[in-house]
């Protein structure tokens, strides 16, 4: 029985490490997200992903620019991915929302 618990714990640890270095940008001020990104790098992360949808996309780009130009000048933008996600509204209809994923990393 203890082996099953160990396996479950290992799976959860793997899932946590995948989402640990992701900062989701929303409606808060940009500096809140800048602090989150800088903290991730200071905690030893080699790569941090900034994700946003809809109106928060411009704030995510601001966060990236502030991190790279003001706080961590050695960090480089490695990838930017754009996509479209389909969301279900409260009334049951679906709508498409733009999304962005910006991956920042330390140069090798």
N, C-alpha and C. Protein backbone atom coordinates (compact mmCIF):
# COMPACT_ATOMS: atom_id res chain seq x y z
N UNK A 1 0.82 -1.20 0.00
CA UNK A 1 0.00 0.00 0.00
C UNK A 1 0.87 1.27 0.00
N UNK A 2 1.99 1.23 0.69
CA UNK A 2 2.85 2.41 0.72
C UNK A 2 3.46 2.70 -0.65
N UNK A 3 3.64 1.65 -1.47
CA UNK A 3 4.18 1.87 -2.82
C UNK A 3 3.23 2.69 -3.66
N UNK A 4 1.91 2.45 -3.55
CA UNK A 4 0.94 3.22 -4.31
C UNK A 4 0.97 4.69 -3.92
N UNK A 5 1.08 4.95 -2.63
CA UNK A 5 1.15 6.34 -2.19
C UNK A 5 2.38 7.02 -2.74
N UNK A 6 3.48 6.30 -2.77
CA UNK A 6 4.73 6.86 -3.29
C UNK A 6 4.59 7.19 -4.77
N UNK A 7 3.96 6.30 -5.54
CA UNK A 7 3.78 6.55 -6.97
C UNK A 7 2.92 7.78 -7.20
N UNK A 8 1.84 7.92 -6.43
CA UNK A 8 0.96 9.08 -6.57
C UNK A 8 1.72 10.35 -6.24
N UNK A 9 2.52 10.31 -5.19
CA UNK A 9 3.29 11.49 -4.80
C UNK A 9 4.27 11.87 -5.91
N UNK A 10 4.92 10.87 -6.51
CA UNK A 10 5.87 11.15 -7.59
C UNK A 10 5.17 11.79 -8.77
N UNK A 11 3.99 11.32 -9.13
CA UNK A 11 3.24 11.91 -10.25
C UNK A 11 2.88 13.35 -9.94
N UNK A 12 2.45 13.62 -8.71
CA UNK A 12 2.10 15.00 -8.33
C UNK A 12 3.32 15.90 -8.37
N UNK A 13 4.45 15.41 -7.94
CA UNK A 13 5.66 16.22 -7.98
C UNK A 13 6.02 16.59 -9.41
N UNK A 14 5.86 15.67 -10.33
CA UNK A 14 6.14 15.96 -11.73
C UNK A 14 5.21 17.03 -12.27
N UNK A 15 3.93 16.94 -11.91
CA UNK A 15 2.96 17.94 -12.37
C UNK A 15 3.28 19.31 -11.79
N UNK A 16 3.69 19.36 -10.54
CA UNK A 16 4.00 20.64 -9.91
C UNK A 16 5.20 21.30 -10.56
N UNK A 17 6.19 20.53 -10.95
CA UNK A 17 7.37 21.14 -11.55
C UNK A 17 7.05 21.71 -12.93
N UNK A 18 6.08 21.12 -13.62
CA UNK A 18 5.73 21.65 -14.94
C UNK A 18 5.04 23.00 -14.83
N UNK A 19 4.19 23.19 -13.85
CA UNK A 19 3.44 24.43 -13.70
C UNK A 19 4.13 25.42 -12.76
N UNK A 20 5.20 24.99 -12.14
CA UNK A 20 5.86 25.84 -11.14
C UNK A 20 6.47 27.09 -11.76
N UNK A 21 6.93 26.98 -12.98
CA UNK A 21 7.62 28.11 -13.60
C UNK A 21 6.73 28.89 -14.57
N UNK A 22 5.41 28.85 -14.36
CA UNK A 22 4.46 29.57 -15.22
C UNK A 22 3.84 30.71 -14.42
N UNK A 23 3.82 31.91 -15.02
CA UNK A 23 3.18 33.07 -14.42
C UNK A 23 2.00 33.43 -15.31
N UNK A 24 0.79 33.35 -14.76
CA UNK A 24 -0.42 33.69 -15.50
C UNK A 24 -0.75 35.16 -15.27
N UNK A 25 -0.80 35.94 -16.35
CA UNK A 25 -1.05 37.37 -16.26
C UNK A 25 -2.55 37.62 -16.37
N UNK A 26 -3.06 38.45 -15.46
CA UNK A 26 -4.48 38.77 -15.45
C UNK A 26 -4.69 40.26 -15.33
N UNK A 27 -5.55 40.67 -14.37
CA UNK A 27 -5.96 42.07 -14.26
C UNK A 27 -5.13 42.89 -13.27
N UNK A 28 -4.27 42.25 -12.51
CA UNK A 28 -3.47 42.98 -11.52
C UNK A 28 -2.44 43.88 -12.23
N UNK A 29 -1.85 44.81 -11.49
CA UNK A 29 -0.81 45.66 -12.10
C UNK A 29 0.38 44.84 -12.58
N UNK A 30 1.03 45.32 -13.62
CA UNK A 30 2.13 44.59 -14.24
C UNK A 30 3.26 44.28 -13.26
N UNK A 31 3.52 45.18 -12.34
CA UNK A 31 4.63 44.97 -11.40
C UNK A 31 4.42 43.75 -10.51
N UNK A 32 3.18 43.36 -10.25
CA UNK A 32 2.92 42.14 -9.49
C UNK A 32 3.47 40.93 -10.23
N UNK A 33 3.26 40.90 -11.53
CA UNK A 33 3.72 39.78 -12.35
C UNK A 33 5.23 39.85 -12.58
N UNK A 34 5.77 41.06 -12.68
CA UNK A 34 7.22 41.22 -12.80
C UNK A 34 7.90 40.62 -11.56
N UNK A 35 7.37 40.92 -10.39
CA UNK A 35 7.92 40.38 -9.15
C UNK A 35 7.85 38.86 -9.16
N UNK A 36 6.76 38.29 -9.66
CA UNK A 36 6.62 36.83 -9.72
C UNK A 36 7.67 36.21 -10.63
N UNK A 37 7.91 36.83 -11.79
CA UNK A 37 8.90 36.31 -12.74
C UNK A 37 10.30 36.41 -12.15
N UNK A 38 10.64 37.57 -11.59
CA UNK A 38 11.97 37.77 -11.01
C UNK A 38 12.19 36.79 -9.85
N UNK A 39 11.17 36.56 -9.05
CA UNK A 39 11.27 35.62 -7.93
C UNK A 39 11.55 34.21 -8.44
N UNK A 40 10.88 33.82 -9.51
CA UNK A 40 11.11 32.48 -10.08
C UNK A 40 12.58 32.32 -10.50
N UNK A 41 13.11 33.30 -11.19
CA UNK A 41 14.52 33.22 -11.61
C UNK A 41 15.45 33.23 -10.40
N UNK A 42 15.16 34.03 -9.40
CA UNK A 42 16.01 34.09 -8.21
C UNK A 42 15.95 32.80 -7.41
N UNK A 43 14.87 32.03 -7.57
CA UNK A 43 14.75 30.74 -6.88
C UNK A 43 15.41 29.61 -7.66
N UNK A 44 16.10 29.94 -8.74
CA UNK A 44 16.88 28.94 -9.45
C UNK A 44 16.29 28.42 -10.74
N UNK A 45 15.15 28.93 -11.16
CA UNK A 45 14.56 28.48 -12.42
C UNK A 45 15.44 28.94 -13.58
N UNK A 46 15.61 28.08 -14.56
CA UNK A 46 16.39 28.44 -15.74
C UNK A 46 15.48 28.98 -16.85
N UNK A 47 14.16 28.72 -16.70
CA UNK A 47 13.20 29.14 -17.71
C UNK A 47 11.87 29.47 -17.02
N UNK A 48 11.25 30.57 -17.41
CA UNK A 48 9.95 30.98 -16.87
C UNK A 48 9.04 31.31 -18.04
N UNK A 49 7.79 30.84 -17.94
CA UNK A 49 6.80 31.07 -18.99
C UNK A 49 5.78 32.08 -18.50
N UNK A 50 5.49 33.08 -19.32
CA UNK A 50 4.45 34.07 -19.04
C UNK A 50 3.29 33.76 -19.95
N UNK A 51 2.09 33.54 -19.38
CA UNK A 51 0.91 33.22 -20.18
C UNK A 51 -0.18 34.26 -19.94
N UNK A 52 -0.92 34.59 -21.00
CA UNK A 52 -2.03 35.54 -20.87
C UNK A 52 -3.04 35.28 -21.99
N UNK A 53 -4.28 35.74 -21.74
CA UNK A 53 -5.35 35.64 -22.75
C UNK A 53 -6.06 36.97 -22.86
N UNK A 54 -6.61 37.22 -24.03
CA UNK A 54 -7.47 38.38 -24.24
C UNK A 54 -6.78 39.70 -23.97
N UNK A 55 -7.47 40.54 -23.18
CA UNK A 55 -6.97 41.89 -22.90
C UNK A 55 -5.69 41.90 -22.08
N UNK A 56 -5.34 40.79 -21.43
CA UNK A 56 -4.14 40.73 -20.60
C UNK A 56 -2.87 40.52 -21.44
N UNK A 57 -3.02 40.29 -22.74
CA UNK A 57 -1.85 40.04 -23.58
C UNK A 57 -0.90 41.23 -23.58
N UNK A 58 -1.43 42.43 -23.68
CA UNK A 58 -0.55 43.61 -23.68
C UNK A 58 0.17 43.76 -22.35
N UNK A 59 -0.48 43.38 -21.26
CA UNK A 59 0.15 43.44 -19.94
C UNK A 59 1.27 42.40 -19.86
N UNK A 60 1.08 41.23 -20.47
CA UNK A 60 2.12 40.19 -20.47
C UNK A 60 3.36 40.67 -21.23
N UNK A 61 3.14 41.36 -22.34
CA UNK A 61 4.27 41.90 -23.10
C UNK A 61 4.98 42.98 -22.27
N UNK A 62 4.22 43.80 -21.57
CA UNK A 62 4.83 44.80 -20.67
C UNK A 62 5.68 44.12 -19.60
N UNK A 63 5.16 43.05 -19.03
CA UNK A 63 5.90 42.31 -17.99
C UNK A 63 7.23 41.82 -18.55
N UNK A 64 7.19 41.22 -19.73
CA UNK A 64 8.42 40.72 -20.37
C UNK A 64 9.42 41.85 -20.57
N UNK A 65 8.96 42.97 -21.09
CA UNK A 65 9.85 44.10 -21.36
C UNK A 65 10.45 44.66 -20.08
N UNK A 66 9.66 44.78 -19.03
CA UNK A 66 10.16 45.30 -17.75
C UNK A 66 11.19 44.36 -17.16
N UNK A 67 10.92 43.05 -17.19
CA UNK A 67 11.86 42.07 -16.64
C UNK A 67 13.18 42.13 -17.39
N UNK A 68 13.13 42.13 -18.71
CA UNK A 68 14.36 42.08 -19.52
C UNK A 68 15.12 43.40 -19.49
N UNK A 69 14.43 44.53 -19.52
CA UNK A 69 15.11 45.82 -19.63
C UNK A 69 15.50 46.45 -18.30
N UNK A 70 14.78 46.15 -17.23
CA UNK A 70 15.06 46.82 -15.95
C UNK A 70 15.66 45.93 -14.88
N UNK A 71 15.19 44.68 -14.77
CA UNK A 71 15.56 43.86 -13.62
C UNK A 71 16.58 42.78 -13.92
N UNK A 72 16.36 41.99 -14.94
CA UNK A 72 17.26 40.87 -15.25
C UNK A 72 17.74 41.02 -16.70
N UNK A 73 18.75 41.85 -16.87
CA UNK A 73 19.22 42.16 -18.22
C UNK A 73 19.91 40.98 -18.90
N UNK A 74 20.28 39.94 -18.12
CA UNK A 74 20.92 38.76 -18.72
C UNK A 74 19.90 37.74 -19.23
N UNK A 75 18.62 37.93 -18.93
CA UNK A 75 17.57 37.02 -19.37
C UNK A 75 17.22 37.32 -20.83
N UNK A 76 16.98 36.27 -21.60
CA UNK A 76 16.63 36.43 -23.02
C UNK A 76 15.27 35.79 -23.28
N UNK A 77 14.59 36.34 -24.26
CA UNK A 77 13.31 35.78 -24.72
C UNK A 77 13.64 34.61 -25.65
N UNK A 78 13.19 33.41 -25.30
CA UNK A 78 13.52 32.27 -26.15
C UNK A 78 12.41 31.93 -27.14
N UNK A 79 11.15 32.07 -26.75
CA UNK A 79 10.05 31.72 -27.64
C UNK A 79 8.82 32.56 -27.33
N UNK A 80 8.07 32.92 -28.37
CA UNK A 80 6.74 33.51 -28.21
C UNK A 80 5.79 32.69 -29.06
N UNK A 81 4.72 32.19 -28.42
CA UNK A 81 3.71 31.42 -29.13
C UNK A 81 2.37 32.13 -28.99
N UNK A 82 1.68 32.26 -30.09
CA UNK A 82 0.33 32.83 -30.05
C UNK A 82 -0.65 31.75 -30.47
N UNK A 83 -1.86 31.84 -29.93
CA UNK A 83 -2.87 30.85 -30.26
C UNK A 83 -4.25 31.45 -30.03
N UNK A 84 -5.25 30.65 -30.29
CA UNK A 84 -6.63 31.04 -30.07
C UNK A 84 -7.30 29.93 -29.27
N UNK A 85 -7.98 30.28 -28.19
CA UNK A 85 -8.64 29.30 -27.34
C UNK A 85 -10.14 29.53 -27.37
N UNK A 86 -10.87 28.45 -27.32
CA UNK A 86 -12.32 28.53 -27.34
C UNK A 86 -12.84 28.41 -25.91
N UNK A 87 -13.59 29.42 -25.46
CA UNK A 87 -14.14 29.45 -24.11
C UNK A 87 -15.65 29.39 -24.16
N UNK A 88 -16.24 28.79 -23.12
CA UNK A 88 -17.70 28.75 -23.01
C UNK A 88 -18.15 29.90 -22.11
N UNK A 89 -19.05 30.72 -22.61
CA UNK A 89 -19.57 31.85 -21.85
C UNK A 89 -20.62 31.38 -20.84
N UNK A 90 -21.03 32.29 -19.96
CA UNK A 90 -22.04 31.96 -18.95
C UNK A 90 -23.37 31.55 -19.56
N UNK A 91 -23.69 32.12 -20.72
CA UNK A 91 -24.97 31.79 -21.36
C UNK A 91 -24.89 30.53 -22.22
N UNK A 92 -23.76 29.85 -22.21
CA UNK A 92 -23.62 28.60 -22.94
C UNK A 92 -23.02 28.72 -24.32
N UNK A 93 -22.87 29.93 -24.83
CA UNK A 93 -22.27 30.12 -26.15
C UNK A 93 -20.75 30.03 -26.04
N UNK A 94 -20.11 29.78 -27.15
CA UNK A 94 -18.66 29.71 -27.16
C UNK A 94 -18.09 30.90 -27.91
N UNK A 95 -16.92 31.34 -27.49
CA UNK A 95 -16.23 32.42 -28.18
C UNK A 95 -14.74 32.14 -28.18
N UNK A 96 -14.06 32.66 -29.19
CA UNK A 96 -12.61 32.46 -29.30
C UNK A 96 -11.88 33.65 -28.68
N UNK A 97 -10.83 33.33 -27.95
CA UNK A 97 -10.03 34.34 -27.27
C UNK A 97 -8.57 34.12 -27.67
N UNK A 98 -7.88 35.20 -27.97
CA UNK A 98 -6.46 35.11 -28.30
C UNK A 98 -5.66 34.81 -27.04
N UNK A 99 -4.54 34.10 -27.22
CA UNK A 99 -3.68 33.77 -26.09
C UNK A 99 -2.23 33.92 -26.52
N UNK A 100 -1.36 34.17 -25.53
CA UNK A 100 0.08 34.29 -25.81
C UNK A 100 0.85 33.55 -24.72
N UNK A 101 1.98 33.01 -25.13
CA UNK A 101 2.87 32.33 -24.22
C UNK A 101 4.28 32.82 -24.52
N UNK A 102 4.90 33.46 -23.54
CA UNK A 102 6.25 34.02 -23.71
C UNK A 102 7.19 33.24 -22.80
N UNK A 103 8.22 32.63 -23.39
CA UNK A 103 9.16 31.84 -22.60
C UNK A 103 10.46 32.64 -22.48
N UNK A 104 10.86 32.89 -21.24
CA UNK A 104 12.09 33.61 -20.95
C UNK A 104 13.10 32.60 -20.38
N UNK A 105 14.36 32.75 -20.73
CA UNK A 105 15.36 31.82 -20.23
C UNK A 105 16.71 32.47 -20.03
N UNK A 106 17.50 31.82 -19.20
CA UNK A 106 18.87 32.26 -18.99
C UNK A 106 19.72 31.73 -20.14
N UNK A 107 20.58 32.56 -20.70
CA UNK A 107 21.44 32.06 -21.78
C UNK A 107 22.44 31.03 -21.25
N UNK A 108 22.78 30.11 -22.13
CA UNK A 108 23.70 29.01 -21.72
C UNK A 108 25.13 29.47 -21.79
